[in-house]
Amino acid sequence: MTATKRHPTIKVMADYECHPLWLTGVDAGDIEPGDSRLNLSPQLAQRFTTWAQQFDQTFNHDDPISSGFLTRQAEEEFVATGESLASDLARELGSG
């Protein structure tokens, strides 16, 4: 019987003060886009980092419950950028 190696699933998710990519499995947790285990192009890694920084800017340290985007349009644009990044990530990494 041959065991098949399972590749971790990578989830794209913004969370305050975390990296925007998340691994599942044994090494579960957030992971820096530039981490060598991912082998992303520097350009895509930087786009993910910028996207995460944009989300962090919506955090209100004095009143966390009031954190969030100033407008619905800003939130929708952020989500659309995340979806585009996820597509680019899938394209770069392939199906494993």
PDB file of N, CA and C in Angstrom:
ATOM      1  N   MET A   1       0.848  -1.165   0.000  1.00  0.00           N
ATOM      2  CA  MET A   1       0.000   0.000   0.000  1.00  0.00           C
ATOM      3  C   MET A   1       0.899   1.236   0.000  1.00  0.00           C
ATOM      4  N   THR A   2       0.533   2.202  -0.800  1.00  0.00           N
ATOM      5  CA  THR A   2       1.306   3.434  -0.902  1.00  0.00           C
ATOM      6  C   THR A   2       0.567   4.561  -0.200  1.00  0.00           C
ATOM      7  N   ALA A   3       1.261   5.227   0.670  1.00  0.00           N
ATOM      8  CA  ALA A   3       0.662   6.388   1.343  1.00  0.00           C
ATOM      9  C   ALA A   3       0.813   7.603   0.441  1.00  0.00           C
ATOM     10  N   THR A   4      -0.230   8.370   0.365  1.00  0.00           N
ATOM     11  CA  THR A   4      -0.148   9.597  -0.424  1.00  0.00           C
ATOM     12  C   THR A   4       0.137  10.763   0.508  1.00  0.00           C
ATOM     13  N   LYS A   5       0.997  11.621   0.056  1.00  0.00           N
ATOM     14  CA  LYS A   5       1.341  12.790   0.853  1.00  0.00           C
ATOM     15  C   LYS A   5       0.264  13.848   0.648  1.00  0.00           C
ATOM     16  N   ARG A   6      -0.326  14.285   1.728  1.00  0.00           N
ATOM     17  CA  ARG A   6      -1.346  15.328   1.644  1.00  0.00           C
ATOM     18  C   ARG A   6      -0.685  16.689   1.795  1.00  0.00           C
ATOM     19  N   HIS A   7      -1.006  17.561   0.870  1.00  0.00           N
ATOM     20  CA  HIS A   7      -0.499  18.921   0.948  1.00  0.00           C
ATOM     21  C   HIS A   7      -1.420  19.722   1.860  1.00  0.00           C
ATOM     22  N   PRO A   8      -0.865  20.639   2.614  1.00  0.00           N
ATOM     23  CA  PRO A   8      -1.729  21.444   3.480  1.00  0.00           C
ATOM     24  C   PRO A   8      -2.635  22.340   2.638  1.00  0.00           C
ATOM     25  N   THR A   9      -3.777  22.632   3.181  1.00  0.00           N
ATOM     26  CA  THR A   9      -4.669  23.599   2.562  1.00  0.00           C
ATOM     27  C   THR A   9      -4.223  24.977   3.020  1.00  0.00           C
ATOM     28  N   ILE A  10      -4.244  25.922   2.110  1.00  0.00           N
ATOM     29  CA  ILE A  10      -3.893  27.296   2.450  1.00  0.00           C
ATOM     30  C   ILE A  10      -5.154  28.129   2.349  1.00  0.00           C
ATOM     31  N   LYS A  11      -5.484  28.784   3.434  1.00  0.00           N
ATOM     32  CA  LYS A  11      -6.670  29.628   3.495  1.00  0.00           C
ATOM     33  C   LYS A  11      -6.236  31.086   3.456  1.00  0.00           C
ATOM     34  N   VAL A  12      -6.927  31.885   2.659  1.00  0.00           N
ATOM     35  CA  VAL A  12      -6.687  33.329   2.614  1.00  0.00           C
ATOM     36  C   VAL A  12      -7.690  33.963   3.568  1.00  0.00           C
ATOM     37  N   MET A  13      -7.176  34.619   4.607  1.00  0.00           N
ATOM     38  CA  MET A  13      -8.059  35.218   5.604  1.00  0.00           C
ATOM     39  C   MET A  13      -7.335  36.346   6.327  1.00  0.00           C
ATOM     40  N   ALA A  14      -7.946  37.504   6.309  1.00  0.00           N
ATOM     41  CA  ALA A  14      -7.394  38.628   7.056  1.00  0.00           C
ATOM     42  C   ALA A  14      -7.847  38.524   8.511  1.00  0.00           C
ATOM     43  N   ASP A  15      -6.925  38.758   9.421  1.00  0.00           N
ATOM     44  CA  ASP A  15      -7.232  38.821  10.846  1.00  0.00           C
ATOM     45  C   ASP A  15      -6.276  39.836  11.439  1.00  0.00           C
ATOM     46  N   TYR A  16      -6.728  40.546  12.439  1.00  0.00           N
ATOM     47  CA  TYR A  16      -5.912  41.617  12.999  1.00  0.00           C
ATOM     48  C   TYR A  16      -4.577  41.106  13.527  1.00  0.00           C
ATOM     49  N   GLU A  17      -3.529  41.788  13.098  1.00  0.00           N
ATOM     50  CA  GLU A  17      -2.156  41.543  13.547  1.00  0.00           C
ATOM     51  C   GLU A  17      -1.699  40.098  13.317  1.00  0.00           C
ATOM     52  N   CYS A  18      -2.167  39.514  12.209  1.00  0.00           N
ATOM     53  CA  CYS A  18      -1.767  38.164  11.807  1.00  0.00           C
ATOM     54  C   CYS A  18      -1.375  38.195  10.335  1.00  0.00           C
ATOM     55  N   HIS A  19      -0.684  37.160   9.912  1.00  0.00           N
ATOM     56  CA  HIS A  19      -0.384  37.018   8.491  1.00  0.00           C
ATOM     57  C   HIS A  19      -1.668  36.629   7.761  1.00  0.00           C
ATOM     58  N   PRO A  20      -1.791  36.961   6.469  1.00  0.00           N
ATOM     59  CA  PRO A  20      -3.044  36.730   5.751  1.00  0.00           C
ATOM     60  C   PRO A  20      -3.234  35.329   5.175  1.00  0.00           C
ATOM     61  N   LEU A  21      -2.240  34.467   5.330  1.00  0.00           N
ATOM     62  CA  LEU A  21      -2.346  33.095   4.837  1.00  0.00           C
ATOM     63  C   LEU A  21      -2.323  32.148   6.029  1.00  0.00           C
ATOM     64  N   TRP A  22      -3.138  31.112   5.957  1.00  0.00           N
ATOM     65  CA  TRP A  22      -3.285  30.174   7.064  1.00  0.00           C
ATOM     66  C   TRP A  22      -3.141  28.752   6.551  1.00  0.00           C
ATOM     67  N   LEU A  23      -2.308  27.967   7.230  1.00  0.00           N
ATOM     68  CA  LEU A  23      -2.121  26.555   6.890  1.00  0.00           C
ATOM     69  C   LEU A  23      -3.038  25.690   7.733  1.00  0.00           C
ATOM     70  N   THR A  24      -3.434  24.549   7.168  1.00  0.00           N
ATOM     71  CA  THR A  24      -4.158  23.541   7.929  1.00  0.00           C
ATOM     72  C   THR A  24      -3.201  22.386   8.201  1.00  0.00           C
ATOM     73  N   GLY A  25      -3.644  21.443   8.969  1.00  0.00           N
ATOM     74  CA  GLY A  25      -2.838  20.253   9.218  1.00  0.00           C
ATOM     75  C   GLY A  25      -1.886  20.420  10.384  1.00  0.00           C
ATOM     76  N   VAL A  26      -0.786  19.683  10.336  1.00  0.00           N
ATOM     77  CA  VAL A  26       0.180  19.641  11.427  1.00  0.00           C
ATOM     78  C   VAL A  26       0.742  21.020  11.750  1.00  0.00           C
ATOM     79  N   ASP A  27       1.035  21.793  10.734  1.00  0.00           N
ATOM     80  CA  ASP A  27       1.616  23.124  10.923  1.00  0.00           C
ATOM     81  C   ASP A  27       0.554  24.221  10.889  1.00  0.00           C
ATOM     82  N   ALA A  28      -0.646  23.935  11.366  1.00  0.00           N
ATOM     83  CA  ALA A  28      -1.756  24.882  11.283  1.00  0.00           C
ATOM     84  C   ALA A  28      -1.416  26.214  11.944  1.00  0.00           C
ATOM     85  N   GLY A  29      -1.876  27.270  11.329  1.00  0.00           N
ATOM     86  CA  GLY A  29      -1.690  28.618  11.850  1.00  0.00           C
ATOM     87  C   GLY A  29      -1.388  29.583  10.727  1.00  0.00           C
ATOM     88  N   ASP A  30      -1.262  30.844  11.102  1.00  0.00           N
ATOM     89  CA  ASP A  30      -0.977  31.840  10.066  1.00  0.00           C
ATOM     90  C   ASP A  30       0.482  31.742   9.642  1.00  0.00           C
ATOM     91  N   ILE A  31       0.724  32.108   8.396  1.00  0.00           N
ATOM     92  CA  ILE A  31       2.062  31.980   7.827  1.00  0.00           C
ATOM     93  C   ILE A  31       2.376  33.219   6.995  1.00  0.00           C
ATOM     94  N   GLU A  32       3.586  33.686   7.132  1.00  0.00           N
ATOM     95  CA  GLU A  32       4.039  34.856   6.381  1.00  0.00           C
ATOM     96  C   GLU A  32       4.044  34.535   4.888  1.00  0.00           C
ATOM     97  N   PRO A  33       3.511  35.442   4.063  1.00  0.00           N
ATOM     98  CA  PRO A  33       3.495  35.185   2.619  1.00  0.00           C
ATOM     99  C   PRO A  33       4.879  34.923   2.026  1.00  0.00           C
ATOM    100  N   GLY A  34       5.920  35.478   2.616  1.00  0.00           N
ATOM    101  CA  GLY A  34       7.268  35.275   2.109  1.00  0.00           C
ATOM    102  C   GLY A  34       7.945  34.018   2.628  1.00  0.00           C
ATOM    103  N   ASP A  35       7.250  33.224   3.435  1.00  0.00           N
ATOM    104  CA  ASP A  35       7.820  31.995   3.992  1.00  0.00           C
ATOM    105  C   ASP A  35       8.257  31.064   2.856  1.00  0.00           C
ATOM    106  N   SER A  36       9.453  30.521   2.970  1.00  0.00           N
ATOM    107  CA  SER A  36      10.020  29.681   1.903  1.00  0.00           C
ATOM    108  C   SER A  36       9.217  28.406   1.658  1.00  0.00           C
ATOM    109  N   ARG A  37       8.427  27.969   2.635  1.00  0.00           N
ATOM    110  CA  ARG A  37       7.603  26.769   2.430  1.00  0.00           C
ATOM    111  C   ARG A  37       6.542  26.989   1.354  1.00  0.00           C
ATOM    112  N   LEU A  38       6.155  28.246   1.165  1.00  0.00           N
ATOM    113  CA  LEU A  38       5.137  28.553   0.158  1.00  0.00           C
ATOM    114  C   LEU A  38       5.733  28.749  -1.224  1.00  0.00           C
ATOM    115  N   ASN A  39       6.936  29.294  -1.263  1.00  0.00           N
ATOM    116  CA  ASN A  39       7.620  29.542  -2.530  1.00  0.00           C
ATOM    117  C   ASN A  39       6.805  30.443  -3.469  1.00  0.00           C
ATOM    118  N   LEU A  40       6.214  31.502  -2.898  1.00  0.00           N
ATOM    119  CA  LEU A  40       5.470  32.465  -3.710  1.00  0.00           C
ATOM    120  C   LEU A  40       6.428  33.445  -4.362  1.00  0.00           C
ATOM    121  N   SER A  41       5.999  34.008  -5.460  1.00  0.00           N
ATOM    122  CA  SER A  41       6.799  35.062  -6.083  1.00  0.00           C
ATOM    123  C   SER A  41       6.858  36.244  -5.115  1.00  0.00           C
ATOM    124  N   PRO A  42       7.956  36.982  -5.115  1.00  0.00           N
ATOM    125  CA  PRO A  42       8.056  38.147  -4.226  1.00  0.00           C
ATOM    126  C   PRO A  42       6.927  39.151  -4.458  1.00  0.00           C
ATOM    127  N   GLN A  43       6.479  39.274  -5.696  1.00  0.00           N
ATOM    128  CA  GLN A  43       5.415  40.228  -6.005  1.00  0.00           C
ATOM    129  C   GLN A  43       4.100  39.822  -5.338  1.00  0.00           C
ATOM    130  N   LEU A  44       3.745  38.546  -5.429  1.00  0.00           N
ATOM    131  CA  LEU A  44       2.500  38.093  -4.814  1.00  0.00           C
ATOM    132  C   LEU A  44       2.603  38.149  -3.296  1.00  0.00           C
ATOM    133  N   ALA A  45       3.740  37.757  -2.755  1.00  0.00           N
ATOM    134  CA  ALA A  45       3.930  37.830  -1.306  1.00  0.00           C
ATOM    135  C   ALA A  45       3.748  39.267  -0.816  1.00  0.00           C
ATOM    136  N   GLN A  46       4.292  40.232  -1.544  1.00  0.00           N
ATOM    137  CA  GLN A  46       4.161  41.636  -1.153  1.00  0.00           C
ATOM    138  C   GLN A  46       2.713  42.108  -1.249  1.00  0.00           C
ATOM    139  N   ARG A  47       2.000  41.663  -2.257  1.00  0.00           N
ATOM    140  CA  ARG A  47       0.585  42.038  -2.389  1.00  0.00           C
ATOM    141  C   ARG A  47      -0.224  41.514  -1.202  1.00  0.00           C
ATOM    142  N   PHE A  48       0.073  40.293  -0.754  1.00  0.00           N
ATOM    143  CA  PHE A  48      -0.609  39.758   0.426  1.00  0.00           C
ATOM    144  C   PHE A  48      -0.261  40.567   1.675  1.00  0.00           C
ATOM    145  N   THR A  49       0.999  40.927   1.815  1.00  0.00           N
ATOM    146  CA  THR A  49       1.430  41.711   2.973  1.00  0.00           C
ATOM    147  C   THR A  49       0.732  43.066   2.989  1.00  0.00           C
ATOM    148  N   THR A  50       0.658  43.714   1.849  1.00  0.00           N
ATOM    149  CA  THR A  50      -0.016  45.011   1.744  1.00  0.00           C
ATOM    150  C   THR A  50      -1.496  44.875   2.082  1.00  0.00           C
ATOM    151  N   TRP A  51      -2.120  43.821   1.595  1.00  0.00           N
ATOM    152  CA  TRP A  51      -3.539  43.571   1.864  1.00  0.00           C
ATOM    153  C   TRP A  51      -3.779  43.402   3.365  1.00  0.00           C
ATOM    154  N   ALA A  52      -2.919  42.644   4.027  1.00  0.00           N
ATOM    155  CA  ALA A  52      -3.047  42.443   5.474  1.00  0.00           C
ATOM    156  C   ALA A  52      -2.844  43.753   6.227  1.00  0.00           C
ATOM    157  N   GLN A  53      -1.904  44.567   5.783  1.00  0.00           N
ATOM    158  CA  GLN A  53      -1.662  45.862   6.421  1.00  0.00           C
ATOM    159  C   GLN A  53      -2.880  46.771   6.283  1.00  0.00           C
ATOM    160  N   GLN A  54      -3.542  46.715   5.140  1.00  0.00           N
ATOM    161  CA  GLN A  54      -4.762  47.509   4.955  1.00  0.00           C
ATOM    162  C   GLN A  54      -5.827  47.092   5.964  1.00  0.00           C
ATOM    163  N   PHE A  55      -5.938  45.799   6.207  1.00  0.00           N
ATOM    164  CA  PHE A  55      -6.911  45.322   7.190  1.00  0.00           C
ATOM    165  C   PHE A  55      -6.523  45.777   8.592  1.00  0.00           C
ATOM    166  N   ASP A  56      -5.250  45.664   8.932  1.00  0.00           N
ATOM    167  CA  ASP A  56      -4.787  46.090  10.256  1.00  0.00           C
ATOM    168  C   ASP A  56      -5.082  47.560  10.518  1.00  0.00           C
ATOM    169  N   GLN A  57      -5.078  48.365   9.468  1.00  0.00           N
ATOM    170  CA  GLN A  57      -5.356  49.794   9.633  1.00  0.00           C
ATOM    171  C   GLN A  57      -6.799  50.054  10.053  1.00  0.00           C
ATOM    172  N   THR A  58      -7.676  49.070   9.921  1.00  0.00           N
ATOM    173  CA  THR A  58      -9.065  49.250  10.336  1.00  0.00           C
ATOM    174  C   THR A  58      -9.266  48.923  11.818  1.00  0.00           C
ATOM    175  N   PHE A  59      -8.210  48.475  12.480  1.00  0.00           N
ATOM    176  CA  PHE A  59      -8.309  48.090  13.888  1.00  0.00           C
ATOM    177  C   PHE A  59      -8.227  49.311  14.786  1.00  0.00           C
ATOM    178  N   ASN A  60      -9.177  49.432  15.686  1.00  0.00           N
ATOM    179  CA  ASN A  60      -9.203  50.515  16.664  1.00  0.00           C
ATOM    180  C   ASN A  60      -8.710  49.947  17.996  1.00  0.00           C
ATOM    181  N   HIS A  61      -7.469  50.247  18.338  1.00  0.00           N
ATOM    182  CA  HIS A  61      -6.875  49.703  19.567  1.00  0.00           C
ATOM    183  C   HIS A  61      -7.589  50.199  20.818  1.00  0.00           C
ATOM    184  N   ASP A  62      -8.103  51.416  20.780  1.00  0.00           N
ATOM    185  CA  ASP A  62      -8.781  51.986  21.945  1.00  0.00           C
ATOM    186  C   ASP A  62     -10.179  51.410  22.141  1.00  0.00           C
ATOM    187  N   ASP A  63     -10.810  51.002  21.063  1.00  0.00           N
ATOM    188  CA  ASP A  63     -12.170  50.472  21.122  1.00  0.00           C
ATOM    189  C   ASP A  63     -12.325  49.389  20.052  1.00  0.00           C
ATOM    190  N   PRO A  64     -11.778  48.195  20.316  1.00  0.00           N
ATOM    191  CA  PRO A  64     -11.767  47.139  19.303  1.00  0.00           C
ATOM    192  C   PRO A  64     -13.139  46.812  18.714  1.00  0.00           C
ATOM    193  N   ILE A  65     -14.185  46.928  19.502  1.00  0.00           N
ATOM    194  CA  ILE A  65     -15.516  46.595  19.005  1.00  0.00           C
ATOM    195  C   ILE A  65     -15.949  47.519  17.865  1.00  0.00           C
ATOM    196  N   SER A  66     -15.373  48.714  17.806  1.00  0.00           N
ATOM    197  CA  SER A  66     -15.739  49.660  16.745  1.00  0.00           C
ATOM    198  C   SER A  66     -14.802  49.564  15.538  1.00  0.00           C
ATOM    199  N   SER A  67     -13.943  48.573  15.527  1.00  0.00           N
ATOM    200  CA  SER A  67     -13.031  48.381  14.396  1.00  0.00           C
ATOM    201  C   SER A  67     -13.817  48.037  13.138  1.00  0.00           C
ATOM    202  N   GLY A  68     -13.239  48.362  12.008  1.00  0.00           N
ATOM    203  CA  GLY A  68     -13.865  48.006  10.738  1.00  0.00           C
ATOM    204  C   GLY A  68     -13.635  49.067   9.690  1.00  0.00           C
ATOM    205  N   PHE A  69     -14.134  48.796   8.520  1.00  0.00           N
ATOM    206  CA  PHE A  69     -13.980  49.716   7.401  1.00  0.00           C
ATOM    207  C   PHE A  69     -14.890  50.921   7.588  1.00  0.00           C
ATOM    208  N   LEU A  70     -14.446  52.059   7.087  1.00  0.00           N
ATOM    209  CA  LEU A  70     -15.218  53.289   7.234  1.00  0.00           C
ATOM    210  C   LEU A  70     -16.458  53.298   6.349  1.00  0.00           C
ATOM    211  N   THR A  71     -16.381  52.612   5.206  1.00  0.00           N
ATOM    212  CA  THR A  71     -17.526  52.571   4.292  1.00  0.00           C
ATOM    213  C   THR A  71     -17.749  51.149   3.797  1.00  0.00           C
ATOM    214  N   ARG A  72     -18.957  50.899   3.366  1.00  0.00           N
ATOM    215  CA  ARG A  72     -19.293  49.593   2.784  1.00  0.00           C
ATOM    216  C   ARG A  72     -18.477  49.371   1.510  1.00  0.00           C
ATOM    217  N   GLN A  73     -18.285  50.438   0.732  1.00  0.00           N
ATOM    218  CA  GLN A  73     -17.515  50.334  -0.510  1.00  0.00           C
ATOM    219  C   GLN A  73     -16.071  49.919  -0.224  1.00  0.00           C
ATOM    220  N   ALA A  74     -15.468  50.501   0.815  1.00  0.00           N
ATOM    221  CA  ALA A  74     -14.091  50.143   1.172  1.00  0.00           C
ATOM    222  C   ALA A  74     -14.008  48.667   1.559  1.00  0.00           C
ATOM    223  N   GLU A  75     -15.009  48.191   2.289  1.00  0.00           N
ATOM    224  CA  GLU A  75     -15.030  46.783   2.681  1.00  0.00           C
ATOM    225  C   GLU A  75     -15.187  45.875   1.458  1.00  0.00           C
ATOM    226  N   GLU A  76     -16.076  46.250   0.549  1.00  0.00           N
ATOM    227  CA  GLU A  76     -16.293  45.453  -0.656  1.00  0.00           C
ATOM    228  C   GLU A  76     -15.042  45.417  -1.533  1.00  0.00           C
ATOM    229  N   GLU A  77     -14.338  46.536  -1.623  1.00  0.00           N
ATOM    230  CA  GLU A  77     -13.095  46.575  -2.401  1.00  0.00           C
ATOM    231  C   GLU A  77     -12.032  45.687  -1.762  1.00  0.00           C
ATOM    232  N   PHE A  78     -11.980  45.693  -0.434  1.00  0.00           N
ATOM    233  CA  PHE A  78     -11.025  44.852   0.282  1.00  0.00           C
ATOM    234  C   PHE A  78     -11.321  43.374   0.014  1.00  0.00           C
ATOM    235  N   VAL A  79     -12.585  42.998   0.094  1.00  0.00           N
ATOM    236  CA  VAL A  79     -12.981  41.612  -0.156  1.00  0.00           C
ATOM    237  C   VAL A  79     -12.651  41.212  -1.594  1.00  0.00           C
ATOM    238  N   ALA A  80     -12.937  42.088  -2.543  1.00  0.00           N
ATOM    239  CA  ALA A  80     -12.639  41.797  -3.951  1.00  0.00           C
ATOM    240  C   ALA A  80     -11.141  41.604  -4.166  1.00  0.00           C
ATOM    241  N   THR A  81     -10.334  42.416  -3.506  1.00  0.00           N
ATOM    242  CA  THR A  81      -8.882  42.258  -3.606  1.00  0.00           C
ATOM    243  C   THR A  81      -8.458  40.911  -3.033  1.00  0.00           C
ATOM    244  N   GLY A  82      -9.037  40.523  -1.903  1.00  0.00           N
ATOM    245  CA  GLY A  82      -8.729  39.227  -1.307  1.00  0.00           C
ATOM    246  C   GLY A  82      -9.089  38.070  -2.219  1.00  0.00           C
ATOM    247  N   GLU A  83     -10.235  38.173  -2.890  1.00  0.00           N
ATOM    248  CA  GLU A  83     -10.638  37.122  -3.828  1.00  0.00           C
ATOM    249  C   GLU A  83      -9.677  37.046  -5.009  1.00  0.00           C
ATOM    250  N   SER A  84      -9.236  38.198  -5.482  1.00  0.00           N
ATOM    251  CA  SER A  84      -8.259  38.234  -6.577  1.00  0.00           C
ATOM    252  C   SER A  84      -6.932  37.618  -6.136  1.00  0.00           C
ATOM    253  N   LEU A  85      -6.513  37.941  -4.922  1.00  0.00           N
ATOM    254  CA  LEU A  85      -5.275  37.369  -4.387  1.00  0.00           C
ATOM    255  C   LEU A  85      -5.391  35.849  -4.254  1.00  0.00           C
ATOM    256  N   ALA A  86      -6.539  35.372  -3.790  1.00  0.00           N
ATOM    257  CA  ALA A  86      -6.739  33.926  -3.645  1.00  0.00           C
ATOM    258  C   ALA A  86      -6.640  33.234  -5.005  1.00  0.00           C
ATOM    259  N   SER A  87      -7.198  33.844  -6.029  1.00  0.00           N
ATOM    260  CA  SER A  87      -7.102  33.277  -7.384  1.00  0.00           C
ATOM    261  C   SER A  87      -5.659  33.254  -7.862  1.00  0.00           C
ATOM    262  N   ASP A  88      -4.943  34.348  -7.606  1.00  0.00           N
ATOM    263  CA  ASP A  88      -3.536  34.408  -8.008  1.00  0.00           C
ATOM    264  C   ASP A  88      -2.700  33.383  -7.244  1.00  0.00           C
ATOM    265  N   LEU A  89      -3.029  33.175  -5.975  1.00  0.00           N
ATOM    266  CA  LEU A  89      -2.338  32.173  -5.166  1.00  0.00           C
ATOM    267  C   LEU A  89      -2.554  30.780  -5.756  1.00  0.00           C
ATOM    268  N   ALA A  90      -3.787  30.453  -6.078  1.00  0.00           N
ATOM    269  CA  ALA A  90      -4.091  29.140  -6.662  1.00  0.00           C
ATOM    270  C   ALA A  90      -3.361  28.957  -7.988  1.00  0.00           C
ATOM    271  N   ARG A  91      -3.314  29.999  -8.770  1.00  0.00           N
ATOM    272  CA  ARG A  91      -2.629  29.931 -10.066  1.00  0.00           C
ATOM    273  C   ARG A  91      -1.129  29.692  -9.869  1.00  0.00           C
ATOM    274  N   GLU A  92      -0.533  30.398  -8.899  1.00  0.00           N
ATOM    275  CA  GLU A  92       0.916  30.240  -8.663  1.00  0.00           C
ATOM    276  C   GLU A  92       1.265  28.877  -8.096  1.00  0.00           C
ATOM    277  N   LEU A  93       0.448  28.385  -7.183  1.00  0.00           N
ATOM    278  CA  LEU A  93       0.776  27.124  -6.519  1.00  0.00           C
ATOM    279  C   LEU A  93       0.300  25.908  -7.296  1.00  0.00           C
ATOM    280  N   GLY A  94      -0.664  26.092  -8.158  1.00  0.00           N
ATOM    281  CA  GLY A  94      -1.204  24.952  -8.888  1.00  0.00           C
ATOM    282  C   GLY A  94      -2.008  24.066  -7.959  1.00  0.00           C
ATOM    283  N   SER A  95      -2.280  22.868  -8.388  1.00  0.00           N
ATOM    284  CA  SER A  95      -3.120  21.965  -7.594  1.00  0.00           C
ATOM    285  C   SER A  95      -2.311  21.090  -6.647  1.00  0.00           C
ATOM    286  N   GLY A  96      -1.008  21.317  -6.576  1.00  0.00           N
ATOM    287  CA  GLY A  96      -0.202  20.594  -5.612  1.00  0.00           C
ATOM    288  C   GLY A  96       0.498  19.430  -6.194  1.00  0.00           C
TER     289      GLY A  96
END
